[in-house]
Protein backbone atom coordinates (compact mmCIF):
# COMPACT_ATOMS: atom_id res chain seq x y z
CA UNK A 1 0.00 0.00 0.00
CA UNK A 2 2.75 2.43 0.96
CA UNK A 3 4.53 1.69 -2.31
CA UNK A 4 1.47 2.90 -4.24
CA UNK A 5 1.17 6.01 -2.08
CA UNK A 6 4.85 6.82 -2.63
CA UNK A 7 4.35 6.52 -6.37
CA UNK A 8 1.79 9.39 -6.42
CA UNK A 9 3.58 12.31 -8.07
CA UNK A 10 0.97 14.59 -9.65
CA UNK A 11 -2.42 16.08 -8.68
CA UNK A 12 -4.14 13.93 -11.28
CA UNK A 13 -2.55 10.79 -9.88
CA UNK A 14 -3.59 11.88 -6.40
CA UNK A 15 -7.18 12.27 -7.57
CA UNK A 16 -7.18 8.85 -9.19
CA UNK A 17 -5.63 7.29 -6.10
CA UNK A 18 -8.22 8.93 -3.79
CA UNK A 19 -11.11 7.78 -5.94
CA UNK A 20 -9.81 4.22 -6.19
CA UNK A 21 -9.17 4.00 -2.43
CA UNK A 22 -12.60 5.35 -1.46
CA UNK A 23 -14.42 3.18 -4.00
CA UNK A 24 -12.61 0.16 -2.63
CA UNK A 25 -13.65 1.16 0.89
CA UNK A 26 -17.23 1.71 -0.24
CA UNK A 27 -17.33 -1.73 -1.89
CA UNK A 28 -16.18 -3.30 1.35
CA UNK A 29 -19.00 -1.67 3.30
CA UNK A 30 -21.55 -2.75 0.68
CA UNK A 31 -20.70 -6.38 1.31
CA UNK A 32 -22.08 -6.12 4.85
CA UNK A 33 -25.56 -7.64 5.21
CA UNK A 34 -27.13 -4.67 7.00
CA UNK A 35 -29.73 -2.65 5.15
CA UNK A 36 -28.20 0.59 6.28
CA UNK A 37 -24.92 -0.21 4.57
CA UNK A 38 -26.72 -0.58 1.27
CA UNK A 39 -28.11 2.98 1.35
CA UNK A 40 -26.35 5.44 -0.97
CA UNK A 41 -23.51 7.05 1.08
CA UNK A 42 -24.07 10.66 -0.03
CA UNK A 43 -21.46 12.05 2.31
CA UNK A 44 -18.89 9.59 0.98
CA UNK A 45 -19.81 10.49 -2.60
CA UNK A 46 -19.34 14.19 -1.82
CA UNK A 47 -15.95 13.51 -0.27
CA UNK A 48 -14.92 11.46 -3.31
CA UNK A 49 -15.95 14.30 -5.64
CA UNK A 50 -14.09 16.86 -3.54
CA UNK A 51 -10.90 14.81 -3.34
CA UNK A 52 -11.05 14.04 -7.04
CA UNK A 53 -11.75 17.56 -8.30
CA UNK A 54 -9.77 19.70 -5.85
CA UNK A 55 -6.28 18.58 -6.99
CA UNK A 56 -7.33 19.00 -10.63
CA UNK A 57 -8.60 22.53 -9.97
CA UNK A 58 -5.53 23.48 -7.96
CA UNK A 59 -3.24 22.13 -10.67
CA UNK A 60 -5.10 24.09 -13.36
CA UNK A 61 -4.82 27.29 -11.29
CA UNK A 62 -1.10 26.79 -10.70
CA UNK A 63 -0.49 26.10 -14.39
CA UNK A 64 -2.37 29.30 -15.25
CA UNK A 65 -0.23 31.31 -12.84
CA UNK A 66 2.97 29.79 -14.22
CA UNK A 67 1.88 30.65 -17.74
CA UNK A 68 1.08 34.23 -16.72
CA UNK A 69 4.40 34.66 -14.94
CA UNK A 70 6.33 33.20 -17.86
CA UNK A 71 4.32 35.26 -20.36
CA UNK A 72 6.06 37.56 -22.83
CA UNK A 73 4.84 41.03 -23.68
CA UNK A 74 5.05 41.95 -27.36
CA UNK A 75 5.51 45.71 -27.17
CA UNK A 76 5.13 47.48 -30.50
CA UNK A 77 6.91 50.83 -30.61
CA UNK A 78 6.60 53.46 -33.35
CA UNK A 79 9.33 56.12 -33.46
CA UNK A 80 8.67 59.49 -35.08
CA UNK A 81 10.51 62.82 -35.28
CA UNK A 82 9.09 66.16 -34.10
CA UNK A 83 7.26 66.50 -37.45
CA UNK A 84 5.59 63.11 -36.83
CA UNK A 85 7.61 61.47 -39.62
CA UNK A 86 8.56 57.80 -38.95
CA UNK A 87 12.26 57.33 -38.16
CA UNK A 88 13.97 54.32 -39.74
CA UNK A 89 16.90 52.47 -38.14
CA UNK A 90 16.41 54.05 -34.72
CA UNK A 91 17.50 51.98 -31.74
CA UNK A 92 14.68 51.01 -29.39
CA UNK A 93 15.28 49.43 -26.01
CA UNK A 94 13.54 49.02 -22.69
CA UNK A 95 14.80 48.73 -19.14
CA UNK A 96 13.69 45.10 -18.99
CA UNK A 97 14.69 43.73 -22.39
CA UNK A 98 17.13 43.82 -25.30
CA UNK A 99 17.20 46.46 -28.01
CA UNK A 100 15.75 46.41 -31.51
CA UNK A 101 15.91 48.51 -34.69
CA UNK A 102 12.99 50.29 -36.32
CA UNK A 103 11.73 49.39 -39.79
CA UNK A 104 11.18 51.97 -42.59
CA UNK A 105 7.75 52.74 -41.10
CA UNK A 106 9.40 53.57 -37.78
CA UNK A 107 8.06 50.48 -36.00
CA UNK A 108 9.85 47.92 -33.87
CA UNK A 109 8.80 45.12 -31.55
CA UNK A 110 10.31 44.38 -28.14
CA UNK A 111 9.85 41.02 -26.43
CA UNK A 112 9.68 41.60 -22.68
CA UNK A 113 9.50 38.51 -20.41
CA UNK A 114 7.11 39.23 -17.56
CA UNK A 115 9.48 37.57 -15.13
CA UNK A 116 12.18 40.16 -15.91
CA UNK A 117 9.98 43.11 -14.99
CA UNK A 118 9.53 44.86 -11.63
CA UNK A 119 6.43 43.94 -9.64
CA UNK A 120 4.66 47.21 -10.42
CA UNK A 121 5.00 46.54 -14.18
CA UNK A 122 6.63 49.92 -14.83
CA UNK A 123 9.22 50.11 -17.62
CA UNK A 124 10.94 52.93 -19.49
CA UNK A 125 11.18 52.61 -23.27
CA UNK A 126 14.10 54.43 -24.90
CA UNK A 127 14.49 55.39 -28.55
CA UNK A 128 17.46 57.07 -30.18
CA UNK A 129 19.20 57.62 -33.49
CA UNK A 130 22.78 58.48 -32.73
CA UNK A 131 23.67 59.52 -36.26
CA UNK A 132 21.11 62.33 -36.03
CA UNK A 133 21.55 62.92 -32.29
CA UNK A 134 17.87 62.26 -31.69
CA UNK A 135 16.67 60.86 -28.36
CA UNK A 136 13.40 60.19 -26.57
CA UNK A 137 11.80 57.96 -23.94
CA UNK A 138 8.45 57.09 -22.42
CA UNK A 139 7.42 55.45 -19.15
CA UNK A 140 4.79 52.70 -19.35
CA UNK A 141 2.99 50.33 -17.01
CA UNK A 142 2.43 46.89 -18.55
CA UNK A 143 -0.61 45.03 -17.23
CA UNK A 144 -3.06 42.52 -18.66
CA UNK A 145 -2.58 43.45 -22.32
CA UNK A 146 0.23 41.24 -23.60
CA UNK A 147 0.38 43.11 -26.93
CA UNK A 148 0.63 46.80 -26.00
CA UNK A 149 1.77 49.59 -28.32
CA UNK A 150 3.13 53.11 -27.95
CA UNK A 151 4.61 55.99 -29.96
CA UNK A 152 7.82 57.80 -29.00
CA UNK A 153 8.88 61.14 -30.44
CA UNK A 154 12.63 61.63 -30.64
CA UNK A 155 14.24 65.05 -30.89
CA UNK A 156 17.65 66.69 -30.47
CA UNK A 157 18.81 66.65 -26.87
CA UNK A 158 20.74 69.91 -26.59
CA UNK A 159 21.89 69.58 -23.00
CA UNK A 160 25.66 69.19 -23.43
CA UNK A 161 27.78 72.35 -22.98
CA UNK A 162 30.94 73.54 -24.71
CA UNK A 163 33.69 75.24 -22.75
CA UNK A 164 37.21 76.35 -23.52
CA UNK A 165 39.58 79.27 -23.91
CA UNK A 166 40.56 81.73 -26.61
CA UNK A 167 44.28 82.45 -27.07
CA UNK A 168 46.52 84.31 -29.46
CA UNK A 169 49.36 82.71 -31.41
CA UNK A 170 51.73 83.12 -28.47
CA UNK A 171 49.44 81.25 -26.07
CA UNK A 172 48.18 84.31 -24.19
CA UNK A 173 44.53 84.38 -23.21
CA UNK A 174 42.32 86.93 -24.94
CA UNK A 175 39.49 88.47 -22.91
CA UNK A 176 36.39 90.03 -24.44
CA UNK A 177 36.16 87.67 -27.44
CA UNK A 178 32.63 87.01 -28.73
CA UNK A 179 32.16 83.24 -28.97
CA UNK A 180 28.95 81.67 -30.21
CA UNK A 181 27.15 79.07 -32.27
CA UNK A 182 25.10 79.87 -35.35
CA UNK A 183 21.52 80.52 -34.31
CA UNK A 184 22.35 81.09 -30.64
CA UNK A 185 23.40 84.03 -28.50
CA UNK A 186 27.14 84.58 -28.29
CA UNK A 187 29.03 85.25 -25.06
CA UNK A 188 32.29 87.01 -24.20
CA UNK A 189 35.39 85.39 -22.77
CA UNK A 190 36.34 86.44 -19.25
CA UNK A 191 39.62 87.95 -18.09
CA UNK A 192 41.31 84.58 -18.43
CA UNK A 193 40.00 84.03 -21.96
CA UNK A 194 37.57 81.34 -20.76
CA UNK A 195 34.04 80.75 -22.01
CA UNK A 196 31.21 78.27 -21.47
CA UNK A 197 28.16 77.82 -23.68
CA UNK A 198 25.38 75.79 -22.01
CA UNK A 199 23.00 73.62 -24.03
CA UNK A 200 25.27 73.73 -27.05
CA UNK A 201 24.15 70.40 -28.51
CA UNK A 202 23.80 66.69 -27.90
CA UNK A 203 26.69 64.90 -26.23
CA UNK A 204 29.34 64.21 -28.87
CA UNK A 205 27.62 66.29 -31.53
CA UNK A 206 30.07 68.45 -33.48
CA UNK A 207 29.14 72.10 -33.23
CA UNK A 208 30.55 74.96 -35.30
CA UNK A 209 31.97 77.64 -32.99
CA UNK A 210 32.67 81.16 -34.18
CA UNK A 211 34.99 83.57 -32.33
CA UNK A 212 35.75 87.17 -33.20
CA UNK A 213 37.19 90.35 -31.74
CA UNK A 214 38.19 93.62 -33.29
CA UNK A 215 41.85 93.58 -34.21
CA UNK A 216 41.88 89.80 -34.77
CA UNK A 217 41.00 87.58 -37.70
CA UNK A 218 37.73 85.72 -36.91
CA UNK A 219 37.91 81.95 -36.66
CA UNK A 220 35.32 79.17 -37.01
CA UNK A 221 36.04 75.70 -35.68
CA UNK A 222 34.07 72.48 -35.12
CA UNK A 223 34.16 70.88 -31.68
CA UNK A 224 32.03 68.12 -30.08
CA UNK A 225 29.67 69.17 -27.30
CA UNK A 226 30.62 67.77 -23.93
CA UNK A 227 33.14 68.27 -21.13
CA UNK A 228 36.27 68.19 -23.29
CA UNK A 229 37.55 71.80 -23.47
CA UNK A 230 38.43 73.49 -26.74
CA UNK A 231 41.14 76.04 -27.51
CA UNK A 232 40.41 78.66 -30.14
CA UNK A 233 43.35 80.62 -31.53
CA UNK A 234 42.91 84.11 -32.96
CA UNK A 235 45.53 85.75 -35.14
CA UNK A 236 46.14 89.48 -34.66
CA UNK A 237 45.48 91.52 -37.78
CA UNK A 238 48.32 93.59 -39.23
C-alpha cells in the first residue's frame, strides 16, 4: 500500500488514487448484510468528488499562474521625429529587455518577459538615433494586455555644454572675445580668456563655434559638445 502512495507524483494521480481507495472502501461496506450499509452514502460520494476535483482545480490554477508569470509582452513601438515622420533604423530598447531597430515605417517590436519586470509593471522605453543625435523615452505600465503599443517622439537633446579658452598665437589668453554658435546668442570670454556655452548640442555632436574680436582675424572651428575643453586661436590683424 505504501509503495502505491509513494508513487503518487501529480495532482491527477492523487485524484485517481483517492477515488480508487474510497471506492474500494465503499465496496467493502456494501458487502455487509445490513440494510443501512446498502443505502447510498451521499457524504462519501461528496468527499470522493471533492478529493477528485480539488487537486485538478488546484493544478489548473497553478499552471495558469505559471503561464502568466512566464508570459512575454510583445511591445510594438513606433518612433517618429518632431514633425511626426517615422524614423527608420532608430535603436529602441527598454529597461527590462534587449534592443531592436525600427523598420522603414518607424516600427519595432520588443519582447519583454514578464518575469524580468519589476512587480509594479513599470518600464521605461528608450528610442534614439545616434547619427542624427535624436533621443526620446516614455514610461509605461504593462498590465493585462500582452500586446501593447506606444509611440515615441525623438528630438535633439541639446543639454551638453561647450567650454574652452581663446588664445593668441603666443598662447596668451584673450578676454572680451565674442564666442557663439550659429543661431544662438554669443558670449564674451572672461579675463582669463575662458568661455562656457550651455545647451550647445547633444553629447558628442560636433558644433561649429565662431569667435571674433576687433583687431583679430575671426575663426570658425568644429568641436564636439561635452566636457572636453576646446582652444580657439585668434591671429592678430596687421
